[in-house]
Amino acid sequence: MRVFATKETCAVSSLCVYQAPEVFDQDEEGQVEVLDPEPPAELHEDVRIAVRGCPTQSIRVE
């Protein structure tokens, strides 16, 4: 799994950070940052939940 995020469309909802804090964080402006673009398998489901919960679809995985 590879995780990508688009800061420009981030709504600063923080849902991704709450769901997968090992993978996501927020910058000084509150926009999404990917801490671990290739998270271990045990975090994949949390990342998928974060992707589905993103209100602006600013996070995607491949």
N, C-alpha and C. Protein backbone atom coordinates (compact mmCIF):
# COMPACT_ATOMS: atom_id res chain seq x y z
N MET A 1 0.84 -1.18 0.00
CA MET A 1 0.00 0.00 0.00
C MET A 1 0.88 1.24 0.00
N ARG A 2 0.47 2.21 -0.80
CA ARG A 2 1.15 3.51 -0.83
C ARG A 2 0.08 4.57 -0.60
N VAL A 3 0.34 5.51 0.32
CA VAL A 3 -0.63 6.52 0.73
C VAL A 3 -0.24 7.88 0.16
N PHE A 4 -1.23 8.57 -0.40
CA PHE A 4 -1.04 9.90 -0.97
C PHE A 4 -2.10 10.84 -0.39
N ALA A 5 -1.75 12.11 -0.21
CA ALA A 5 -2.70 13.10 0.27
C ALA A 5 -2.51 14.41 -0.48
N THR A 6 -3.61 15.12 -0.69
CA THR A 6 -3.59 16.41 -1.37
C THR A 6 -3.95 17.49 -0.36
N LYS A 7 -2.96 18.25 0.06
CA LYS A 7 -3.16 19.30 1.06
C LYS A 7 -4.13 20.38 0.57
N GLU A 8 -4.09 20.69 -0.70
CA GLU A 8 -4.89 21.78 -1.24
C GLU A 8 -6.40 21.57 -1.08
N THR A 9 -6.82 20.33 -1.01
CA THR A 9 -8.25 20.05 -0.88
C THR A 9 -8.63 19.60 0.53
N CYS A 10 -7.69 19.53 1.42
CA CYS A 10 -7.94 19.08 2.79
C CYS A 10 -8.89 20.05 3.50
N ALA A 11 -9.90 19.49 4.18
CA ALA A 11 -10.90 20.29 4.90
C ALA A 11 -10.56 20.45 6.38
N VAL A 12 -9.42 19.93 6.80
CA VAL A 12 -8.94 20.04 8.18
C VAL A 12 -9.94 19.41 9.16
N SER A 13 -10.52 18.28 8.77
CA SER A 13 -11.48 17.60 9.65
C SER A 13 -10.80 16.74 10.70
N SER A 14 -9.56 16.36 10.47
CA SER A 14 -8.74 15.56 11.40
C SER A 14 -9.18 14.10 11.53
N LEU A 15 -10.15 13.68 10.75
CA LEU A 15 -10.62 12.30 10.86
C LEU A 15 -9.50 11.30 10.57
N CYS A 16 -8.66 11.60 9.61
CA CYS A 16 -7.57 10.68 9.27
C CYS A 16 -6.58 10.54 10.42
N VAL A 17 -6.30 11.64 11.09
CA VAL A 17 -5.36 11.62 12.21
C VAL A 17 -5.91 10.78 13.36
N TYR A 18 -7.20 10.92 13.63
CA TYR A 18 -7.82 10.12 14.69
C TYR A 18 -7.86 8.65 14.34
N GLN A 19 -8.08 8.34 13.06
CA GLN A 19 -8.20 6.95 12.65
C GLN A 19 -6.85 6.25 12.54
N ALA A 20 -5.84 6.94 12.05
CA ALA A 20 -4.53 6.31 11.83
C ALA A 20 -3.41 7.30 12.18
N PRO A 21 -3.21 7.58 13.47
CA PRO A 21 -2.21 8.57 13.87
C PRO A 21 -0.77 8.17 13.55
N GLU A 22 -0.55 6.89 13.30
CA GLU A 22 0.78 6.44 12.92
C GLU A 22 1.11 6.81 11.48
N VAL A 23 0.06 7.09 10.70
CA VAL A 23 0.22 7.35 9.27
C VAL A 23 -0.01 8.82 8.92
N PHE A 24 -0.95 9.47 9.62
CA PHE A 24 -1.34 10.84 9.28
C PHE A 24 -1.08 11.81 10.43
N ASP A 25 -0.80 13.05 10.05
CA ASP A 25 -0.66 14.14 11.01
C ASP A 25 -1.18 15.40 10.31
N GLN A 26 -1.09 16.53 11.01
CA GLN A 26 -1.50 17.79 10.43
C GLN A 26 -0.34 18.79 10.54
N ASP A 27 -0.22 19.64 9.53
CA ASP A 27 0.81 20.67 9.55
C ASP A 27 0.35 21.85 10.40
N GLU A 28 1.10 22.93 10.40
CA GLU A 28 0.80 24.10 11.22
C GLU A 28 -0.56 24.71 10.88
N GLU A 29 -1.01 24.52 9.65
CA GLU A 29 -2.30 25.06 9.21
C GLU A 29 -3.43 24.05 9.37
N GLY A 30 -3.11 22.87 9.89
CA GLY A 30 -4.12 21.84 10.11
C GLY A 30 -4.35 20.91 8.94
N GLN A 31 -3.61 21.10 7.86
CA GLN A 31 -3.81 20.26 6.67
C GLN A 31 -3.07 18.93 6.81
N VAL A 32 -3.60 17.95 6.14
CA VAL A 32 -3.08 16.58 6.23
C VAL A 32 -1.62 16.48 5.80
N GLU A 33 -0.91 15.64 6.54
CA GLU A 33 0.46 15.25 6.18
C GLU A 33 0.53 13.73 6.31
N VAL A 34 1.22 13.10 5.39
CA VAL A 34 1.42 11.66 5.46
C VAL A 34 2.76 11.40 6.15
N LEU A 35 2.70 10.76 7.30
CA LEU A 35 3.92 10.44 8.05
C LEU A 35 4.59 9.18 7.53
N ASP A 36 3.77 8.22 7.13
CA ASP A 36 4.29 6.94 6.66
C ASP A 36 3.60 6.58 5.35
N PRO A 37 4.19 6.91 4.21
CA PRO A 37 3.55 6.65 2.92
C PRO A 37 3.44 5.17 2.56
N GLU A 38 4.18 4.32 3.26
CA GLU A 38 4.09 2.88 3.02
C GLU A 38 3.91 2.18 4.37
N PRO A 39 2.72 2.30 4.96
CA PRO A 39 2.50 1.75 6.29
C PRO A 39 2.52 0.22 6.29
N PRO A 40 2.83 -0.37 7.44
CA PRO A 40 2.83 -1.83 7.54
C PRO A 40 1.42 -2.39 7.40
N ALA A 41 1.35 -3.65 7.08
CA ALA A 41 0.07 -4.32 6.79
C ALA A 41 -0.94 -4.19 7.92
N GLU A 42 -0.48 -4.18 9.16
CA GLU A 42 -1.41 -4.11 10.28
C GLU A 42 -2.14 -2.76 10.36
N LEU A 43 -1.69 -1.76 9.61
CA LEU A 43 -2.35 -0.46 9.60
C LEU A 43 -3.21 -0.23 8.35
N HIS A 44 -3.20 -1.15 7.42
CA HIS A 44 -3.91 -0.96 6.15
C HIS A 44 -5.40 -0.74 6.34
N GLU A 45 -6.03 -1.48 7.21
CA GLU A 45 -7.48 -1.30 7.41
C GLU A 45 -7.78 0.07 8.00
N ASP A 46 -6.97 0.53 8.95
CA ASP A 46 -7.16 1.87 9.51
C ASP A 46 -7.00 2.94 8.44
N VAL A 47 -6.04 2.77 7.56
CA VAL A 47 -5.83 3.72 6.46
C VAL A 47 -7.03 3.71 5.52
N ARG A 48 -7.54 2.54 5.20
CA ARG A 48 -8.71 2.45 4.31
C ARG A 48 -9.93 3.15 4.94
N ILE A 49 -10.11 2.98 6.23
CA ILE A 49 -11.21 3.66 6.92
C ILE A 49 -11.01 5.17 6.86
N ALA A 50 -9.78 5.63 7.04
CA ALA A 50 -9.49 7.06 6.95
C ALA A 50 -9.78 7.59 5.54
N VAL A 51 -9.42 6.83 4.52
CA VAL A 51 -9.68 7.22 3.14
C VAL A 51 -11.19 7.37 2.92
N ARG A 52 -11.96 6.39 3.36
CA ARG A 52 -13.41 6.44 3.18
C ARG A 52 -14.04 7.58 3.98
N GLY A 53 -13.44 7.94 5.11
CA GLY A 53 -14.00 8.98 5.96
C GLY A 53 -13.61 10.39 5.60
N CYS A 54 -12.67 10.55 4.69
CA CYS A 54 -12.21 11.89 4.32
C CYS A 54 -13.33 12.62 3.58
N PRO A 55 -13.82 13.74 4.13
CA PRO A 55 -14.95 14.43 3.51
C PRO A 55 -14.64 15.07 2.16
N THR A 56 -13.39 15.29 1.85
CA THR A 56 -13.03 15.92 0.58
C THR A 56 -12.27 14.96 -0.36
N GLN A 57 -12.17 13.71 0.04
CA GLN A 57 -11.46 12.70 -0.75
C GLN A 57 -10.04 13.15 -1.07
N SER A 58 -9.39 13.73 -0.06
CA SER A 58 -8.02 14.23 -0.23
C SER A 58 -6.97 13.16 -0.01
N ILE A 59 -7.39 11.98 0.41
CA ILE A 59 -6.45 10.88 0.67
C ILE A 59 -6.78 9.75 -0.29
N ARG A 60 -5.74 9.14 -0.83
CA ARG A 60 -5.95 7.97 -1.69
C ARG A 60 -4.83 6.96 -1.45
N VAL A 61 -5.10 5.73 -1.82
CA VAL A 61 -4.11 4.68 -1.69
C VAL A 61 -4.00 3.92 -3.00
N GLU A 62 -2.83 3.36 -3.20
CA GLU A 62 -2.60 2.48 -4.37
C GLU A 62 -2.08 1.18 -3.85
